[in-house]
Amino acid sequence: MQTKNIIVALTMIFIISLAAKAESLTVCVPDFEPWGMTVQGKVQGIMLDHVVSILNEVKIKGVADFANYPRMIQRLRDGDCEIGVFSRYEKNADAVEFIEHVYDLQVVVVTPKDVVIENYETFHDLKRIPSIGFPLGGDGFFVKLFNDPKIVKSMVPTQQHGVMMLANGRLGAFVGIEKTIQYEIKKNNFEMKINFPGLKVDKLEIWLQVSKKSKKAMALVPQLRKAAKDLKKNGTYESVINQWVSARP
């Protein structure tokens, strides 16, 4: 019993030591506006602001790591970046620690201004909706529609591309995150071209996550969880999102 207590004590000392040395963590920032972007070489965006707000609570500096979404998820798995806020995918549970649910994002289907989605069968009307766009990595946005063999599905590089293609008549509908689409419509003055907010179809759970390969991040999990909960209660996440989406780029 005494030996066991010594081992436990040494383990706790090791964890505390790691936490003390964790002066900074690498923040995973995906390349899609307004969640992540570069402006004059500087990484900015909602996701970075959210994670930095959490890290500030535990007095840890955040250093941005920037890449496209699929690559960023892989970098989190590999430990090349250490912490981020992303959708929760159970297939990543072997490599990623899901710390805390921080907020939900609404998924919508938007169409050209003159097309209204009356019910699900509208998606099968190829005269009105000849093709439906999904962003790469967006196969979980509206699974029923994504897997529907009766639609013509078009994969686009990003949500920005999807909104642009819809406004230019190259898509009959587009599936994406409501706040992202709202931001892009406002940025490009597409208010008269796109029927927004469209049809609300699903929600994505966004979780604070760390790479299991990062000893520094894993040692800070209890503190990070508490900070994430506190910021959820005081409305920080919603406030940051609204500031970015309401401000004209």
Protein backbone atom coordinates (compact mmCIF):
# COMPACT_ATOMS: atom_id res chain seq x y z
CA MET A 1 0.00 0.00 0.00
CA GLN A 2 2.84 2.36 0.87
CA THR A 3 4.52 1.69 -2.48
CA LYS A 4 1.24 2.39 -4.28
CA ASN A 5 0.85 5.70 -2.44
CA ILE A 6 4.38 6.71 -3.39
CA ILE A 7 3.68 5.93 -7.06
CA VAL A 8 0.47 7.97 -6.97
CA ALA A 9 2.29 10.87 -5.32
CA LEU A 10 5.08 10.79 -7.89
CA THR A 11 2.53 10.68 -10.71
CA MET A 12 0.76 13.75 -9.33
CA ILE A 13 4.07 15.60 -9.01
CA PHE A 14 4.87 14.71 -12.63
CA ILE A 15 1.49 15.99 -13.85
CA ILE A 16 1.82 19.21 -11.86
CA SER A 17 5.33 19.66 -13.23
CA LEU A 18 4.09 19.25 -16.80
CA ALA A 19 1.31 21.76 -16.23
CA ALA A 20 3.78 24.25 -14.82
CA LYS A 21 6.01 23.89 -17.87
CA ALA A 22 3.13 24.23 -20.34
CA GLU A 23 3.83 27.87 -21.12
CA SER A 24 2.09 27.58 -24.49
CA LEU A 25 -0.05 25.21 -26.52
CA THR A 26 -0.34 25.04 -30.29
CA VAL A 27 -3.89 25.96 -31.34
CA CYS A 28 -5.41 24.17 -34.34
CA VAL A 29 -7.02 26.78 -36.60
CA PRO A 30 -8.79 25.55 -39.77
CA ASP A 31 -8.79 27.60 -42.94
CA PHE A 32 -12.41 28.63 -43.40
CA GLU A 33 -13.81 32.06 -42.69
CA PRO A 34 -14.78 33.40 -40.24
CA TRP A 35 -13.64 30.51 -38.04
CA GLY A 36 -10.05 30.75 -39.22
CA MET A 37 -8.22 32.95 -41.74
CA THR A 38 -5.06 34.93 -42.33
CA VAL A 39 -5.10 38.71 -42.60
CA GLN A 40 -1.79 40.27 -43.65
CA GLY A 41 -0.03 37.11 -42.55
CA LYS A 42 -1.69 36.99 -39.13
CA VAL A 43 -3.95 34.08 -38.18
CA GLN A 44 -7.35 35.22 -36.91
CA GLY A 45 -10.87 33.91 -36.50
CA ILE A 46 -13.58 32.66 -34.19
CA MET A 47 -11.99 29.33 -33.30
CA LEU A 48 -8.68 30.95 -32.41
CA ASP A 49 -10.46 33.54 -30.25
CA HIS A 50 -12.43 30.81 -28.49
CA VAL A 51 -9.39 28.69 -27.66
CA VAL A 52 -7.27 31.68 -26.65
CA SER A 53 -10.07 32.79 -24.30
CA ILE A 54 -9.97 29.36 -22.65
CA LEU A 55 -6.18 29.35 -22.44
CA ASN A 56 -6.19 32.82 -20.89
CA GLU A 57 -8.26 31.41 -18.04
CA VAL A 58 -5.50 28.92 -17.24
CA LYS A 59 -2.73 31.43 -17.98
CA ILE A 60 -1.36 29.57 -20.99
CA LYS A 61 -0.32 31.19 -24.25
CA GLY A 62 -1.83 29.97 -27.53
CA VAL A 63 0.29 29.71 -30.68
CA ALA A 64 -1.74 29.35 -33.90
CA ASP A 65 -1.22 26.48 -36.34
CA PHE A 66 -3.10 27.10 -39.60
CA ALA A 67 -4.13 24.66 -42.35
CA ASN A 68 -7.18 23.46 -44.27
CA TYR A 69 -9.80 21.61 -42.23
CA PRO A 70 -9.01 17.96 -43.13
CA ARG A 71 -5.28 18.52 -42.66
CA MET A 72 -5.86 20.32 -39.37
CA ILE A 73 -7.84 17.39 -37.97
CA GLN A 74 -4.99 15.08 -38.93
CA ARG A 75 -2.47 17.41 -37.31
CA LEU A 76 -4.51 17.30 -34.10
CA ARG A 77 -4.52 13.50 -34.23
CA ASP A 78 -0.77 13.45 -34.81
CA GLY A 79 -0.03 15.96 -32.05
CA ASP A 80 1.42 18.52 -34.46
CA CYS A 81 -1.13 20.93 -33.03
CA GLU A 82 -2.40 20.39 -29.51
CA ILE A 83 -5.76 22.02 -28.85
CA GLY A 84 -8.80 23.18 -30.80
CA VAL A 85 -12.58 23.41 -30.98
CA PHE A 86 -14.10 21.10 -33.58
CA SER A 87 -17.06 18.87 -34.27
CA ARG A 88 -16.98 15.71 -32.22
CA TYR A 89 -16.22 12.69 -34.39
CA GLU A 90 -16.04 9.43 -32.47
CA LYS A 91 -13.65 8.00 -35.06
CA ASN A 92 -11.04 10.39 -33.62
CA ALA A 93 -11.51 9.20 -30.03
CA ASP A 94 -8.39 7.03 -30.20
CA ALA A 95 -6.18 10.07 -30.73
CA VAL A 96 -8.19 13.00 -29.37
CA GLU A 97 -9.45 13.78 -25.87
CA PHE A 98 -12.92 15.35 -25.97
CA ILE A 99 -12.82 17.70 -23.00
CA GLU A 100 -16.04 19.71 -22.99
CA HIS A 101 -19.02 20.51 -25.20
CA VAL A 102 -18.80 24.26 -25.75
CA TYR A 103 -21.60 25.12 -28.20
CA ASP A 104 -23.70 23.93 -31.14
CA LEU A 105 -23.66 25.17 -34.71
CA GLN A 106 -26.80 25.20 -36.82
CA VAL A 107 -26.61 23.49 -40.22
CA VAL A 108 -28.83 24.92 -42.96
CA VAL A 109 -29.67 24.39 -46.61
CA VAL A 110 -29.79 27.59 -48.63
CA THR A 111 -31.06 28.13 -52.15
CA PRO A 112 -31.26 30.90 -54.75
CA LYS A 113 -33.65 33.69 -53.84
CA ASP A 114 -36.45 32.37 -56.05
CA VAL A 115 -36.36 28.78 -54.74
CA VAL A 116 -38.13 27.79 -51.53
CA ILE A 117 -37.68 24.36 -49.93
CA GLU A 118 -41.23 23.34 -49.09
CA ASN A 119 -40.43 19.85 -47.78
CA TYR A 120 -37.82 17.13 -48.17
CA GLU A 121 -39.23 16.06 -51.54
CA THR A 122 -38.22 19.44 -52.95
CA PHE A 123 -34.64 18.18 -53.00
CA HIS A 124 -35.68 15.54 -55.55
CA ASP A 125 -37.04 18.13 -57.98
CA LEU A 126 -34.06 18.36 -60.33
CA LYS A 127 -35.67 21.17 -62.32
CA ARG A 128 -35.72 23.41 -59.26
CA ILE A 129 -32.61 22.03 -57.57
CA PRO A 130 -30.35 20.49 -60.23
CA SER A 131 -27.43 20.02 -57.82
CA ILE A 132 -26.73 20.30 -54.10
CA GLY A 133 -23.34 21.41 -52.85
CA PHE A 134 -21.53 20.08 -49.78
CA PRO A 135 -18.14 21.33 -48.56
CA LEU A 136 -15.27 18.87 -48.30
CA GLY A 137 -15.44 17.37 -44.82
CA GLY A 138 -19.13 18.22 -44.60
CA ASP A 139 -20.44 14.68 -45.01
CA GLY A 140 -21.80 14.89 -41.46
CA PHE A 141 -23.73 18.12 -41.99
CA PHE A 142 -26.99 16.56 -43.24
CA VAL A 143 -26.36 12.83 -43.46
CA LYS A 144 -29.77 11.86 -44.84
CA LEU A 145 -29.43 14.25 -47.77
CA PHE A 146 -25.74 13.53 -48.29
CA ASN A 147 -26.50 9.82 -48.73
CA ASP A 148 -29.66 10.33 -50.80
CA PRO A 149 -29.19 8.62 -54.21
CA LYS A 150 -31.95 10.75 -55.76
CA ILE A 151 -29.99 14.02 -55.61
CA VAL A 152 -27.10 15.29 -57.70
CA LYS A 153 -24.37 15.94 -55.16
CA SER A 154 -21.51 18.33 -55.80
CA MET A 155 -18.50 18.52 -53.46
CA VAL A 156 -16.92 21.96 -53.23
CA PRO A 157 -13.56 22.88 -51.63
CA THR A 158 -14.92 25.16 -48.89
CA GLN A 159 -18.09 26.79 -47.63
CA GLN A 160 -16.89 30.06 -49.14
CA HIS A 161 -16.79 28.37 -52.55
CA GLY A 162 -20.24 26.91 -51.99
CA VAL A 163 -21.85 30.26 -51.24
CA MET A 164 -20.12 31.85 -54.23
CA MET A 165 -21.20 29.04 -56.58
CA LEU A 166 -24.78 29.25 -55.32
CA ALA A 167 -24.91 33.01 -55.85
CA ASN A 168 -23.49 32.59 -59.37
CA GLY A 169 -26.05 29.95 -60.38
CA ARG A 170 -23.64 27.02 -60.40
CA LEU A 171 -25.50 25.17 -57.61
CA GLY A 172 -29.19 24.63 -56.94
CA ALA A 173 -28.69 24.48 -53.16
CA PHE A 174 -25.89 24.44 -50.63
CA VAL A 175 -25.53 22.77 -47.22
CA GLY A 176 -23.37 24.53 -44.65
CA ILE A 177 -23.06 26.17 -41.26
CA GLU A 178 -25.57 28.97 -40.75
CA LYS A 179 -23.10 31.48 -39.28
CA THR A 180 -20.53 30.82 -42.00
CA ILE A 181 -23.10 31.32 -44.74
CA GLN A 182 -24.41 34.47 -43.06
CA TYR A 183 -20.87 35.86 -42.91
CA GLU A 184 -20.19 35.09 -46.59
CA ILE A 185 -23.51 36.56 -47.74
CA LYS A 186 -22.79 39.78 -45.89
CA LYS A 187 -19.17 39.89 -47.03
CA ASN A 188 -20.09 39.53 -50.71
CA ASN A 189 -23.39 41.46 -50.71
CA PHE A 190 -25.38 38.38 -51.72
CA GLU A 191 -28.49 39.30 -49.74
CA MET A 192 -30.58 39.60 -52.92
CA LYS A 193 -29.23 36.39 -54.45
CA ILE A 194 -29.52 33.81 -51.66
CA ASN A 195 -32.57 32.72 -49.69
CA PHE A 196 -31.23 32.99 -46.13
CA PRO A 197 -31.55 31.55 -43.49
CA GLY A 198 -33.00 28.76 -45.60
CA LEU A 199 -33.98 25.43 -44.07
CA LYS A 200 -32.57 24.45 -40.67
CA VAL A 201 -31.73 20.76 -40.79
CA ASP A 202 -29.23 19.68 -38.15
CA LYS A 203 -26.85 20.82 -35.43
CA LEU A 204 -23.17 20.13 -34.94
CA GLU A 205 -21.80 19.67 -31.44
CA ILE A 206 -18.58 21.63 -31.03
CA TRP A 207 -16.15 20.34 -28.41
CA LEU A 208 -12.93 21.56 -26.89
CA GLN A 209 -10.40 18.89 -27.84
CA VAL A 210 -6.74 18.14 -27.25
CA SER A 211 -4.34 15.70 -28.84
CA LYS A 212 -3.61 12.68 -26.67
CA LYS A 213 -0.05 12.86 -27.94
CA SER A 214 0.47 16.20 -26.19
CA LYS A 215 1.56 15.55 -22.61
CA LYS A 216 1.31 19.26 -21.89
CA ALA A 217 -2.31 19.47 -23.04
CA MET A 218 -3.37 16.23 -21.36
CA ALA A 219 -1.91 17.44 -18.05
CA LEU A 220 -4.11 20.52 -18.27
CA VAL A 221 -7.40 18.74 -19.00
CA PRO A 222 -9.06 19.46 -15.60
CA GLN A 223 -8.19 23.16 -15.77
CA LEU A 224 -9.22 23.41 -19.42
CA ARG A 225 -12.55 21.72 -18.71
CA LYS A 226 -13.35 24.17 -15.92
CA ALA A 227 -12.36 27.15 -18.05
CA ALA A 228 -14.46 25.91 -20.98
CA LYS A 229 -17.50 25.50 -18.73
CA ASP A 230 -17.06 28.94 -17.18
CA LEU A 231 -16.87 30.66 -20.57
CA LYS A 232 -19.94 28.78 -21.76
CA LYS A 233 -21.88 30.02 -18.74
CA ASN A 234 -20.87 33.66 -19.18
CA GLY A 235 -21.69 33.75 -22.91
CA THR A 236 -18.16 34.28 -24.23
CA TYR A 237 -18.47 31.86 -27.16
CA GLU A 238 -21.72 33.37 -28.44
CA SER A 239 -20.36 36.89 -28.01
CA VAL A 240 -17.25 36.12 -30.08
CA ILE A 241 -19.30 34.49 -32.85
CA ASN A 242 -21.71 37.42 -33.03
CA GLN A 243 -18.88 39.96 -33.16
CA TRP A 244 -17.29 38.23 -36.14
CA VAL A 245 -20.51 37.54 -38.04
CA SER A 246 -22.10 40.94 -37.49
CA ALA A 247 -19.01 42.92 -38.49
CA ARG A 248 -18.71 43.51 -42.23
CA PRO A 249 -15.29 42.20 -43.35
